[in-house]
Amino acid sequence: MNGRPLDFGAFSFRLVMGLLGLAAVTLLIMPTLVVVIVSFTNSFSLRFPPPGYSLRWYAALGDAWQLQFAAWNSFTVALWTTVLAIILGVAASLGIARSPKWTAKVLDSVFMSPLVLPALAYGLAALMLFSLVGWSISPVTLIIGHTVVCVPYVIRTTVAALAQLDTVLLESSASLGASRFYTFRRITLPLIRPGILAGAFIAFMSSFDNVPVSLFLRDARTDMLPIRMWQDLEGKLDVTIAAVSGAMIALTIVALVVMERLTGLSRRIR
């Protein structure tokens, strides 16, 4: 035979890694598929496979006012958290992205620390801190708690965008007499906007679906959707929760596709 001999070692390695990857993807996707399938059941209990299929539980979401109230609270908190995370994250990124000082590296580690700490430990620590300073639990403390854990996402994607920014453009703008604010508004911001939007999307989804921090910092006025779903599953196994989960999965997929088209999200989070 002419040509390169078959490398059985490389082939077997690729085969094994491919099978392991397929098994991992299957294990990750199957629970989601089960939830989606169960959400279309026509029975009054969570059974798989369903005895029949219907949209009755999706229609029932229109009368589930507790879930609607919790969903609106989660959306509002996530929106304010995202706004604050963008402001703080972009400001921090501009300060640490290209700085050669050791303090910039220290600050970067400090900003990333909420992603390393156990979420439950952070939620309890935040509750203790607010109690020590005399702040009662309120929507404001909940937003602050969410912001701390969401800012790192904005910083990471924005720093990645700043690393790809050509410094010649900034130097040319300065040499032509433009101020720093004008350069930021007309050159830097448009070029790093995809990174900011990618971080904002991740921050919003992280805040909307956050359980550990919300568990410690919420009150009766801020009943959050993930916690409401958890409580309903513990208390009565309501099939409506499966419909809520199906709706959230569909909205998340649509949002991911839109953000991928707008910002190249998969490239920003590598």
Protein backbone atom coordinates (compact mmCIF):
# COMPACT_ATOMS: atom_id res chain seq x y z
CA MET A 1 0.00 0.00 0.00
CA ASN A 2 1.11 3.53 -0.78
CA GLY A 3 0.60 6.44 1.57
CA ARG A 4 0.96 6.90 5.29
CA PRO A 5 0.49 3.81 7.50
CA LEU A 6 -2.49 3.86 9.82
CA ASP A 7 -1.55 5.03 13.29
CA PHE A 8 -3.64 2.70 15.44
CA GLY A 9 -2.51 4.44 18.63
CA ALA A 10 -3.79 7.85 17.50
CA PHE A 11 -6.94 6.27 16.05
CA SER A 12 -7.76 4.41 19.27
CA PHE A 13 -7.11 7.55 21.32
CA ARG A 14 -9.49 9.61 19.18
CA LEU A 15 -12.06 6.81 19.31
CA VAL A 16 -11.94 6.51 23.09
CA MET A 17 -12.03 10.27 23.64
CA GLY A 18 -14.90 10.59 21.17
CA LEU A 19 -16.91 7.92 22.99
CA LEU A 20 -16.20 9.53 26.36
CA GLY A 21 -17.26 12.91 24.99
CA LEU A 22 -20.45 11.43 23.56
CA ALA A 23 -21.23 9.76 26.90
CA ALA A 24 -20.62 13.03 28.76
CA VAL A 25 -22.84 15.02 26.39
CA THR A 26 -25.56 12.37 26.68
CA LEU A 27 -25.45 12.49 30.48
CA LEU A 28 -25.72 16.28 30.40
CA ILE A 29 -28.51 16.47 27.83
CA MET A 30 -30.73 13.55 28.88
CA PRO A 31 -32.05 15.15 32.14
CA THR A 32 -33.04 18.24 30.15
CA LEU A 33 -34.80 16.14 27.52
CA VAL A 34 -36.66 14.22 30.25
CA VAL A 35 -37.89 17.49 31.78
CA VAL A 36 -39.03 18.80 28.40
CA ILE A 37 -40.88 15.57 27.58
CA VAL A 38 -42.56 15.42 30.99
CA SER A 39 -43.70 19.03 30.63
CA PHE A 40 -46.06 17.91 27.84
CA THR A 41 -47.78 15.22 29.93
CA ASN A 42 -51.55 15.12 30.23
CA SER A 43 -51.51 13.51 33.68
CA PHE A 44 -51.51 15.14 37.12
CA SER A 45 -48.24 13.53 38.20
CA LEU A 46 -44.62 13.65 37.12
CA ARG A 47 -44.21 10.37 35.24
CA PHE A 48 -41.75 9.33 32.55
CA PRO A 49 -42.65 8.40 29.96
CA PRO A 50 -45.92 10.36 30.05
CA PRO A 51 -49.14 8.39 29.51
CA GLY A 52 -50.23 11.05 27.01
CA TYR A 53 -49.27 14.45 25.69
CA SER A 54 -50.95 17.82 26.06
CA LEU A 55 -50.25 21.55 26.39
CA ARG A 56 -52.52 21.85 29.43
CA TRP A 57 -49.68 22.64 31.86
CA TYR A 58 -48.26 25.37 29.66
CA ALA A 59 -51.75 26.89 29.51
CA ALA A 60 -51.95 26.60 33.31
CA LEU A 61 -48.97 28.96 33.63
CA GLY A 62 -51.34 31.84 32.89
CA ASP A 63 -53.10 31.24 36.23
CA ALA A 64 -50.00 30.44 38.31
CA TRP A 65 -49.73 33.89 39.87
CA GLN A 66 -47.14 32.83 42.46
CA LEU A 67 -44.81 31.63 39.73
CA GLN A 68 -45.47 34.79 37.72
CA PHE A 69 -44.68 36.94 40.76
CA ALA A 70 -41.46 35.01 41.40
CA ALA A 71 -40.49 35.16 37.71
CA TRP A 72 -40.99 38.93 37.63
CA ASN A 73 -38.86 39.33 40.76
CA SER A 74 -36.10 37.18 39.25
CA PHE A 75 -36.21 39.19 36.03
CA THR A 76 -36.08 42.53 37.86
CA VAL A 77 -33.21 41.50 40.11
CA ALA A 78 -31.30 39.99 37.19
CA LEU A 79 -31.81 43.16 35.12
CA TRP A 80 -30.51 45.51 37.83
CA THR A 81 -27.68 43.10 38.59
CA THR A 82 -26.66 43.05 34.95
CA VAL A 83 -26.65 46.85 34.72
CA LEU A 84 -24.45 47.17 37.81
CA ALA A 85 -22.21 44.32 36.66
CA ILE A 86 -21.65 46.05 33.31
CA ILE A 87 -20.75 49.37 34.94
CA LEU A 88 -18.41 47.87 37.52
CA GLY A 89 -17.02 45.16 35.25
CA VAL A 90 -16.14 47.48 32.37
CA ALA A 91 -14.53 50.00 34.73
CA ALA A 92 -12.46 47.26 36.37
CA SER A 93 -11.49 45.76 33.01
CA LEU A 94 -10.18 49.07 31.71
CA GLY A 95 -7.98 49.36 34.79
CA ILE A 96 -6.49 45.86 34.81
CA ALA A 97 -6.52 44.72 31.17
CA ARG A 98 -3.21 46.21 30.00
CA SER A 99 -1.66 47.31 33.26
CA PRO A 100 1.80 45.78 33.91
CA LYS A 101 1.60 46.53 37.64
CA TRP A 102 1.40 43.69 40.13
CA THR A 103 -1.56 45.41 41.77
CA ALA A 104 -3.59 44.80 38.60
CA LYS A 105 -2.98 41.06 38.89
CA VAL A 106 -3.96 41.13 42.56
CA LEU A 107 -7.16 43.02 41.76
CA ASP A 108 -7.95 40.58 38.97
CA SER A 109 -7.65 37.69 41.45
CA VAL A 110 -9.85 39.54 43.94
CA PHE A 111 -12.54 40.16 41.33
CA MET A 112 -12.46 36.50 40.26
CA SER A 113 -12.62 35.17 43.84
CA PRO A 114 -16.46 34.94 43.98
CA LEU A 115 -16.25 32.25 41.29
CA VAL A 116 -13.86 30.20 43.45
CA LEU A 117 -15.68 30.47 46.76
CA PRO A 118 -18.51 27.99 47.44
CA ALA A 119 -21.77 29.75 46.61
CA LEU A 120 -23.49 28.73 49.84
CA ALA A 121 -20.53 30.00 51.89
CA TYR A 122 -20.65 33.32 50.08
CA GLY A 123 -24.41 33.65 50.58
CA LEU A 124 -24.08 33.02 54.33
CA ALA A 125 -21.12 35.41 54.58
CA ALA A 126 -23.07 38.13 52.76
CA LEU A 127 -26.01 37.68 55.13
CA MET A 128 -23.70 37.95 58.15
CA LEU A 129 -22.04 41.07 56.70
CA PHE A 130 -25.33 42.85 56.09
CA SER A 131 -26.44 41.94 59.62
CA LEU A 132 -23.22 43.36 61.11
CA VAL A 133 -23.59 46.69 59.29
CA GLY A 134 -27.27 46.90 60.24
CA TRP A 135 -28.80 46.45 56.79
CA SER A 136 -32.05 44.54 56.78
CA ILE A 137 -32.68 42.03 54.02
CA SER A 138 -34.31 43.75 51.06
CA PRO A 139 -34.27 43.74 47.26
CA VAL A 140 -31.26 46.09 47.43
CA THR A 141 -29.14 43.64 49.43
CA LEU A 142 -30.20 40.84 47.10
CA ILE A 143 -29.09 42.85 44.05
CA ILE A 144 -25.78 43.66 45.74
CA GLY A 145 -25.21 39.99 46.52
CA HIS A 146 -25.97 38.96 42.96
CA THR A 147 -23.78 41.71 41.53
CA VAL A 148 -20.71 40.51 43.41
CA VAL A 149 -20.96 37.03 41.88
CA CYS A 150 -21.86 38.32 38.39
CA VAL A 151 -19.22 41.03 37.91
CA PRO A 152 -16.44 38.46 37.21
CA TYR A 153 -18.25 37.27 34.09
CA VAL A 154 -18.31 40.76 32.62
CA ILE A 155 -14.68 41.34 33.57
CA ARG A 156 -13.49 38.14 31.97
CA THR A 157 -15.20 38.68 28.60
CA THR A 158 -14.37 42.41 28.53
CA VAL A 159 -10.70 41.80 29.34
CA ALA A 160 -10.60 39.26 26.51
CA ALA A 161 -12.07 41.86 24.15
CA LEU A 162 -9.58 44.50 25.31
CA ALA A 163 -6.69 42.09 24.73
CA GLN A 164 -7.67 41.94 21.04
CA LEU A 165 -7.90 45.73 20.74
CA ASP A 166 -5.19 47.24 18.55
CA THR A 167 -3.37 49.89 20.62
CA VAL A 168 -2.41 51.72 17.42
CA LEU A 169 -6.00 52.93 17.14
CA LEU A 170 -5.86 54.45 20.62
CA GLU A 171 -2.49 56.05 19.97
CA SER A 172 -3.71 57.50 16.67
CA SER A 173 -6.77 58.95 18.39
CA ALA A 174 -4.62 60.55 21.09
CA SER A 175 -2.17 61.95 18.54
CA LEU A 176 -5.07 63.64 16.75
CA GLY A 177 -6.04 65.46 19.93
CA ALA A 178 -8.98 63.34 21.06
CA SER A 179 -9.66 63.17 24.78
CA ARG A 180 -9.64 59.87 26.66
CA PHE A 181 -13.39 59.95 27.06
CA TYR A 182 -13.92 60.62 23.35
CA THR A 183 -11.54 57.80 22.44
CA PHE A 184 -13.34 55.45 24.78
CA ARG A 185 -16.78 56.41 23.47
CA ARG A 186 -15.96 56.35 19.74
CA ILE A 187 -13.23 53.68 19.48
CA THR A 188 -12.80 51.49 22.55
CA LEU A 189 -16.45 50.97 23.44
CA PRO A 190 -17.65 49.98 19.93
CA LEU A 191 -14.79 47.49 19.56
CA ILE A 192 -15.28 45.81 22.93
CA ARG A 193 -19.10 45.90 22.81
CA PRO A 194 -19.38 42.20 21.81
CA GLY A 195 -17.34 41.21 24.86
CA ILE A 196 -19.46 43.39 27.13
CA LEU A 197 -22.69 41.97 25.72
CA ALA A 198 -21.41 38.40 26.13
CA GLY A 199 -20.53 39.06 29.77
CA ALA A 200 -23.85 40.80 30.37
CA PHE A 201 -25.73 37.81 28.98
CA ILE A 202 -23.86 35.37 31.22
CA ALA A 203 -24.34 37.67 34.22
CA PHE A 204 -28.10 37.95 33.58
CA MET A 205 -28.55 34.19 33.26
CA SER A 206 -26.41 33.56 36.34
CA SER A 207 -28.44 36.02 38.41
CA PHE A 208 -31.82 34.81 37.14
CA ASP A 209 -30.98 31.19 37.98
CA ASN A 210 -29.09 31.88 41.22
CA VAL A 211 -30.20 29.83 44.22
CA PRO A 212 -27.47 29.94 46.93
CA VAL A 213 -27.27 33.73 47.24
CA SER A 214 -31.01 34.22 46.88
CA LEU A 215 -31.63 31.60 49.53
CA PHE A 216 -29.93 33.77 52.17
CA LEU A 217 -30.67 37.29 50.94
CA ARG A 218 -34.29 37.15 49.80
CA ASP A 219 -37.39 38.11 51.75
CA ALA A 220 -41.15 37.91 51.16
CA ARG A 221 -40.96 40.77 48.67
CA THR A 222 -38.34 39.02 46.57
CA ASP A 223 -39.62 35.48 46.09
CA MET A 224 -37.28 34.19 43.37
CA LEU A 225 -38.37 31.79 40.65
CA PRO A 226 -35.73 29.05 41.17
CA ILE A 227 -36.50 28.91 44.90
CA ARG A 228 -40.26 28.93 44.29
CA MET A 229 -39.86 26.02 41.87
CA TRP A 230 -37.73 24.15 44.38
CA GLN A 231 -40.28 24.67 47.16
CA ASP A 232 -43.19 23.59 44.97
CA LEU A 233 -41.35 20.42 43.96
CA GLU A 234 -40.64 19.59 47.61
CA GLY A 235 -44.20 20.28 48.74
CA LYS A 236 -46.54 19.05 46.03
CA LEU A 237 -44.68 17.86 42.91
CA ASP A 238 -46.67 20.27 40.75
CA VAL A 239 -46.45 19.38 37.05
CA THR A 240 -46.60 23.10 36.31
CA ILE A 241 -42.96 23.27 37.40
CA ALA A 242 -42.04 21.02 34.48
CA ALA A 243 -43.81 23.46 32.14
CA VAL A 244 -41.91 26.38 33.68
CA SER A 245 -38.66 24.47 33.20
CA GLY A 246 -39.55 23.72 29.58
CA ALA A 247 -40.32 27.37 28.91
CA MET A 248 -37.04 28.46 30.52
CA ILE A 249 -35.07 25.93 28.48
CA ALA A 250 -36.67 27.15 25.25
CA LEU A 251 -36.04 30.82 26.09
CA THR A 252 -32.44 30.06 27.06
CA ILE A 253 -31.77 28.27 23.78
CA VAL A 254 -33.26 31.15 21.79
CA ALA A 255 -31.21 33.67 23.79
CA LEU A 256 -28.03 31.64 23.26
CA VAL A 257 -28.58 31.50 19.52
CA VAL A 258 -29.23 35.25 19.35
CA MET A 259 -26.17 36.10 21.46
CA GLU A 260 -24.01 33.73 19.42
CA ARG A 261 -25.05 35.53 16.25
CA LEU A 262 -24.54 38.98 17.76
CA THR A 263 -21.38 38.53 19.80
CA GLY A 264 -19.84 35.14 19.08
CA LEU A 265 -20.52 34.06 22.65
CA SER A 266 -18.70 30.71 22.39
CA ARG A 267 -15.46 32.49 21.43
CA ARG A 268 -15.76 35.01 24.26
CA ILE A 269 -15.99 32.45 27.08
CA ARG A 270 -13.08 30.24 26.05
